[in-house]
Amino acid sequence: QVQLTESGGGWGQAGASLRLSCAASGSINSINVMGWYRQAPGKLRELVAQTTSDRRTNYADFVKGRFTITRDIANNTVYLQMNSLKPEDTAVYYCKLVNGYSLGSFNYWGQGTQVTVSS
């Protein structure tokens, strides 16, 4: 079984920085994608950033230049450094693991961590 354990998040004022961590444990395929999604009240869950096991990254336009996703492949951990936070970044942030590739892949989600940014 695969588990995702998130940490970080919390509260910050506009312009502040926060860092999220997500550690995956269990049977992790060497080919995978780890990333962060977020969901604000009344809105759909949306991709924030993701990174592949060969370190390719992809960012949503609304975080480019402010957020950075990195990963520790040896420890199956992904980080999201969030700088220049805005009130509109307020949401529950979820870690996602796509374990494997193509038709053999499975999706796993973390429990979510709240990020609140005040103006």
C-alpha atoms as a PDB file:
ATOM      1  CA  GLN A   1       0.000   0.000   0.000  1.00  0.00           C
ATOM      2  CA  VAL A   2       1.099   3.560  -0.669  1.00  0.00           C
ATOM      3  CA  GLN A   3       0.762   6.416   1.782  1.00  0.00           C
ATOM      4  CA  LEU A   4       1.379  10.117   1.290  1.00  0.00           C
ATOM      5  CA  THR A   5       2.232  12.177   4.345  1.00  0.00           C
ATOM      6  CA  GLU A   6       2.026  15.926   3.958  1.00  0.00           C
ATOM      7  CA  SER A   7       3.471  18.591   6.223  1.00  0.00           C
ATOM      8  CA  GLY A   8       3.930  22.333   6.172  1.00  0.00           C
ATOM      9  CA  GLY A   9       1.348  24.868   5.211  1.00  0.00           C
ATOM     10  CA  GLY A  10      -0.370  27.109   7.720  1.00  0.00           C
ATOM     11  CA  TRP A  11      -0.927  30.823   7.695  1.00  0.00           C
ATOM     12  CA  GLY A  12       0.974  33.729   6.224  1.00  0.00           C
ATOM     13  CA  GLN A  13       0.528  37.308   5.155  1.00  0.00           C
ATOM     14  CA  ALA A  14       0.651  38.402   1.532  1.00  0.00           C
ATOM     15  CA  GLY A  15       4.228  38.296   0.334  1.00  0.00           C
ATOM     16  CA  ALA A  16       5.252  35.616   2.798  1.00  0.00           C
ATOM     17  CA  SER A  17       6.774  32.227   2.030  1.00  0.00           C
ATOM     18  CA  LEU A  18       5.668  28.756   3.056  1.00  0.00           C
ATOM     19  CA  ARG A  19       6.986  25.294   2.277  1.00  0.00           C
ATOM     20  CA  LEU A  20       5.046  22.088   1.831  1.00  0.00           C
ATOM     21  CA  SER A  21       6.473  18.587   2.023  1.00  0.00           C
ATOM     22  CA  CYS A  22       5.021  15.274   0.939  1.00  0.00           C
ATOM     23  CA  ALA A  23       6.657  11.936   1.679  1.00  0.00           C
ATOM     24  CA  ALA A  24       5.514   8.821  -0.139  1.00  0.00           C
ATOM     25  CA  SER A  25       5.937   5.421   1.479  1.00  0.00           C
ATOM     26  CA  GLY A  26       5.153   1.890   0.438  1.00  0.00           C
ATOM     27  CA  SER A  27       5.581   0.315  -2.957  1.00  0.00           C
ATOM     28  CA  ILE A  28       6.745   3.218  -5.105  1.00  0.00           C
ATOM     29  CA  ASN A  29       7.412   2.620  -8.776  1.00  0.00           C
ATOM     30  CA  SER A  30      10.673   4.070 -10.057  1.00  0.00           C
ATOM     31  CA  ILE A  31       8.640   5.786 -12.779  1.00  0.00           C
ATOM     32  CA  ASN A  32       6.170   8.178 -11.246  1.00  0.00           C
ATOM     33  CA  VAL A  33       4.904  11.706 -11.061  1.00  0.00           C
ATOM     34  CA  MET A  34       4.522  13.630  -7.822  1.00  0.00           C
ATOM     35  CA  GLY A  35       2.782  16.925  -7.602  1.00  0.00           C
ATOM     36  CA  TRP A  36       0.634  19.394  -5.760  1.00  0.00           C
ATOM     37  CA  TYR A  37      -2.955  20.360  -6.419  1.00  0.00           C
ATOM     38  CA  ARG A  38      -5.115  22.833  -4.580  1.00  0.00           C
ATOM     39  CA  GLN A  39      -8.778  23.388  -3.973  1.00  0.00           C
ATOM     40  CA  ALA A  40     -10.299  26.617  -2.751  1.00  0.00           C
ATOM     41  CA  PRO A  41     -13.842  26.744  -1.332  1.00  0.00           C
ATOM     42  CA  GLY A  42     -16.399  26.482  -4.094  1.00  0.00           C
ATOM     43  CA  LYS A  43     -13.798  25.776  -6.748  1.00  0.00           C
ATOM     44  CA  LEU A  44     -12.525  22.713  -8.538  1.00  0.00           C
ATOM     45  CA  ARG A  45      -9.259  21.096  -7.604  1.00  0.00           C
ATOM     46  CA  GLU A  46      -6.490  22.382  -9.846  1.00  0.00           C
ATOM     47  CA  LEU A  47      -2.908  21.500 -10.630  1.00  0.00           C
ATOM     48  CA  VAL A  48      -0.279  23.693  -9.018  1.00  0.00           C
ATOM     49  CA  ALA A  49       2.956  21.947  -9.987  1.00  0.00           C
ATOM     50  CA  GLN A  50       4.257  18.475 -10.679  1.00  0.00           C
ATOM     51  CA  THR A  51       7.557  16.741 -11.222  1.00  0.00           C
ATOM     52  CA  THR A  52       8.450  13.440 -12.812  1.00  0.00           C
ATOM     53  CA  SER A  53      10.888  10.818 -11.626  1.00  0.00           C
ATOM     54  CA  ASP A  54      13.329  12.113 -14.244  1.00  0.00           C
ATOM     55  CA  ARG A  55      12.938  15.608 -12.763  1.00  0.00           C
ATOM     56  CA  ARG A  56      10.861  17.264 -15.449  1.00  0.00           C
ATOM     57  CA  THR A  57       8.593  19.914 -13.984  1.00  0.00           C
ATOM     58  CA  ASN A  58       5.333  21.532 -14.931  1.00  0.00           C
ATOM     59  CA  TYR A  59       3.724  24.586 -13.337  1.00  0.00           C
ATOM     60  CA  ALA A  60       0.362  26.243 -13.511  1.00  0.00           C
ATOM     61  CA  ASP A  61       0.628  29.714 -15.011  1.00  0.00           C
ATOM     62  CA  PHE A  62      -0.636  31.344 -11.830  1.00  0.00           C
ATOM     63  CA  VAL A  63       2.384  30.143  -9.808  1.00  0.00           C
ATOM     64  CA  LYS A  64       5.176  30.470 -12.352  1.00  0.00           C
ATOM     65  CA  GLY A  65       8.008  32.518 -10.923  1.00  0.00           C
ATOM     66  CA  ARG A  66       6.656  32.236  -7.367  1.00  0.00           C
ATOM     67  CA  PHE A  67       6.490  28.527  -6.546  1.00  0.00           C
ATOM     68  CA  THR A  68       9.188  25.907  -6.998  1.00  0.00           C
ATOM     69  CA  ILE A  69       8.708  22.156  -6.880  1.00  0.00           C
ATOM     70  CA  THR A  70      11.633  19.903  -6.063  1.00  0.00           C
ATOM     71  CA  ARG A  71      12.006  16.286  -5.104  1.00  0.00           C
ATOM     72  CA  ASP A  72      14.262  13.982  -3.180  1.00  0.00           C
ATOM     73  CA  ILE A  73      14.048  10.861  -5.296  1.00  0.00           C
ATOM     74  CA  ALA A  74      15.941   8.663  -2.871  1.00  0.00           C
ATOM     75  CA  ASN A  75      13.407   9.435  -0.129  1.00  0.00           C
ATOM     76  CA  ASN A  76      10.321   9.716  -2.367  1.00  0.00           C
ATOM     77  CA  THR A  77       9.652  13.210  -1.077  1.00  0.00           C
ATOM     78  CA  VAL A  78       8.442  16.245  -2.958  1.00  0.00           C
ATOM     79  CA  TYR A  79       8.589  19.836  -1.782  1.00  0.00           C
ATOM     80  CA  LEU A  80       6.718  22.937  -2.808  1.00  0.00           C
ATOM     81  CA  GLN A  81       8.404  26.210  -1.955  1.00  0.00           C
ATOM     82  CA  MET A  82       5.837  28.968  -2.139  1.00  0.00           C
ATOM     83  CA  ASN A  83       7.118  32.536  -2.263  1.00  0.00           C
ATOM     84  CA  SER A  84       5.351  35.847  -2.759  1.00  0.00           C
ATOM     85  CA  LEU A  85       2.112  34.351  -1.531  1.00  0.00           C
ATOM     86  CA  LYS A  86      -1.149  36.043  -2.454  1.00  0.00           C
ATOM     87  CA  PRO A  87      -4.551  35.841  -0.749  1.00  0.00           C
ATOM     88  CA  GLU A  88      -5.833  33.960  -3.805  1.00  0.00           C
ATOM     89  CA  ASP A  89      -3.370  31.178  -2.997  1.00  0.00           C
ATOM     90  CA  THR A  90      -5.539  30.310  -0.010  1.00  0.00           C
ATOM     91  CA  ALA A  91      -6.699  26.729  -0.451  1.00  0.00           C
ATOM     92  CA  VAL A  92      -6.286  23.179   0.732  1.00  0.00           C
ATOM     93  CA  TYR A  93      -3.188  21.800  -0.948  1.00  0.00           C
ATOM     94  CA  TYR A  94      -3.101  18.117  -1.836  1.00  0.00           C
ATOM     95  CA  CYS A  95      -0.129  15.973  -2.730  1.00  0.00           C
ATOM     96  CA  LYS A  96      -0.667  13.505  -5.552  1.00  0.00           C
ATOM     97  CA  LEU A  97       1.366  10.522  -6.669  1.00  0.00           C
ATOM     98  CA  VAL A  98       0.875   8.883 -10.034  1.00  0.00           C
ATOM     99  CA  ASN A  99       2.580   5.587  -9.328  1.00  0.00           C
ATOM    100  CA  GLY A 100       3.802   3.822 -12.444  1.00  0.00           C
ATOM    101  CA  TYR A 101       3.072   4.781 -16.022  1.00  0.00           C
ATOM    102  CA  SER A 102       0.499   4.371 -18.747  1.00  0.00           C
ATOM    103  CA  LEU A 103      -2.231   1.796 -18.104  1.00  0.00           C
ATOM    104  CA  GLY A 104      -0.360   0.404 -15.123  1.00  0.00           C
ATOM    105  CA  SER A 105      -0.418   3.604 -13.119  1.00  0.00           C
ATOM    106  CA  PHE A 106      -2.387   4.293  -9.951  1.00  0.00           C
ATOM    107  CA  ASN A 107      -3.223   7.634  -8.375  1.00  0.00           C
ATOM    108  CA  TYR A 108      -2.800   8.358  -4.688  1.00  0.00           C
ATOM    109  CA  TRP A 109      -3.728  11.499  -2.772  1.00  0.00           C
ATOM    110  CA  GLY A 110      -2.589  12.980   0.502  1.00  0.00           C
ATOM    111  CA  GLN A 111      -5.038  14.145   3.130  1.00  0.00           C
ATOM    112  CA  GLY A 112      -4.554  17.811   2.281  1.00  0.00           C
ATOM    113  CA  THR A 113      -3.002  20.694   4.166  1.00  0.00           C
ATOM    114  CA  GLN A 114      -4.524  24.137   4.583  1.00  0.00           C
ATOM    115  CA  VAL A 115      -2.712  27.218   3.343  1.00  0.00           C
ATOM    116  CA  THR A 116      -4.212  30.547   4.322  1.00  0.00           C
ATOM    117  CA  VAL A 117      -2.845  33.864   3.098  1.00  0.00           C
ATOM    118  CA  SER A 118      -4.166  37.115   4.489  1.00  0.00           C
ATOM    119  CA  SER A 119      -3.939  40.504   2.809  1.00  0.00           C
END
